[in-house]
Amino acid sequence: MNTESSSREPRIIARQLALGFGSVSLVAILMSLALLWVNSDVSSLVSGMRHDEDSIRQGLELATAVRQESVQIGRSLIDPTDAQIKEYEELRAEVRGRIQRLAADVPADEKWRLQVLGEKTQQMHDVFLNAALPAARDGRSADLRAAHTEISKYSAEASAQADALARAVEGEMVHAHMLATDTTNLGLAIGVLGIALILLLSIGFTMRLRDRLLNPLLKLTDAARRLGGGEFDFKVGEVGEGELLELARAFDRMSEELARRESSLVHNERMAAIGQLAAGVAHELNNPIGIIRGYLKTMVPDGDIETLREELAILDEEAAQCQLIAEDLLSYARASEPQRESVSMSELLTETARRFEESAAALGHKVQVDADDNRLAIDGPRIRQVLLNLLGNAAHASPEDATIRLRGIVVDGGYAIEVQDKGAGVVDAEKERIFEPFFSKRRGGSGLGLSVVLGIVKSHGGTIEVVDAIDGGACLVVFLPDGGTHA
């Protein structure tokens, strides 16, 4: 699928995420708005209840004032002095004031009680001033009893209306309290319902994400891990939908491209290796073959016997050089697992030094051996080959009559072998290159000796490096781990 078609791929995952988060957010917003409305309504009802409390208090005080007015009438009739009459007038003014203040808080269907209350208190006042008070002052007992009975009647009716008004105001408060309770319960129900709905939506959204998003992502993660491990033939297939499906297809296209490039790279590397090997072999064989051909062209059958003998010896020497190159090349190509056995390192180094001194490769040099005794699980013949090669290189690098130093040291985790010459040393730029195939600065060398040494040491799980000797020359240090494995 090309880029243009990919850009038109429906964004299913994006829509699902937007729908899921949007649903949860919408429910949360609606629940918050509903709770705000409930809170506002409850606050309004509570404020009304506080006002109703004041109205209830005023209703009770009005009922009390009406009764006190009736009591004060009785006192004034018993003792009709100016002081008693004045106190009565004050109570009457208080009752009238309380009626006026309560008028604003009384329910509309109860306002008639205020009117009746006002009439009854006015009738009490009229009977008191026009009949009862004159009879009390004149000592007319019969008229006084009749007037007092009438006042008591009006007082009872006024008190009944005052009590009814107090109960009506209290009923308003009870109703407001019930409304506040119902609204609070409604708010709790909205909160519980909203939370339950959010939980259900979240669980459903999570389950859907797991099926539509998380499971495909796990498969893609496994595919990336396997792809990183080099399994370029692994295919993800049709995984997920929308963006994830497109990503899975991109994975498959990438694995195909990586497989193709790996195949091309391996082919190019093989061809480059073959070319490098062929060039190295051709370069190394070209010199002795050129010498052989040159001598063959100048040799004649009837020539001087001594001259022919010298020329044949040269030809044999150059042919032997070609054979040495071939043997080094075979040793380099036939690297194999070492055949391990327990070997005494001090005996191996001492015996190898003795054999080397008796061979022509020593060029008359002596080897000073200083070896710690230790047994190591190694391939003895292969390590002897390593030491003979290093001693040979040290002999060629050292001046005549110089002593080559061979040391064996027990170190933490294994054994270190040092071969030190008395030559000019190795420059830093060549300390890594001397182990490359066909790299040699010695005339007549194949350039494979140290490459073979490196392969044998690595097969033992060891390392080899070149360091500068303290007293001049180069020192090659081989480290062999105790029971090391192939590197």
Foldseek 3Di string as FASTA:
>chain_A
DDPVVLVVFDQVVVVLVCVLVVVLVVLVVVLVVLLVVLVVLLVVLVVVLVVLVVLLVLLVVLLVLLVVLLVLLVVCLVPVDPVSVVVSVVSLVVNVVSLVVNLVQFDPVLNVLSVLLVVLSVVLVCLSVPFQNVCSVVVVVVSNVVSNVSSVVSSVSNSVSSVVRSVRSVVVSVVSVVVSVVSVVVSVVSVVVSVVVSVVSVVVSVVVCCQQPVVLVVLVVVLVVVVVVPPLVDASPQGHGGPSRVVSVVSNVVSVVVVVVVVVVVVVVVVVVVVVVVVLLCVQLVVLVVLLVVLVVPDDPPDDPVVVVVSVVSNVVSVVLNVVLVVLVVLLVPQDAADWDKDWPLVLVVVLQVVLCPDVLLVNEHEAEAEDTDIATTRSVLVSLLVSLLSSVLSVQADPHWYWYWYWDDDPQFIKIKIWHAHQADDPVCFVVLLPASDDPDPSDSSRSSVSSQSRLQQQVKHWTWDADPNGTIMIMITGGRNGHHD
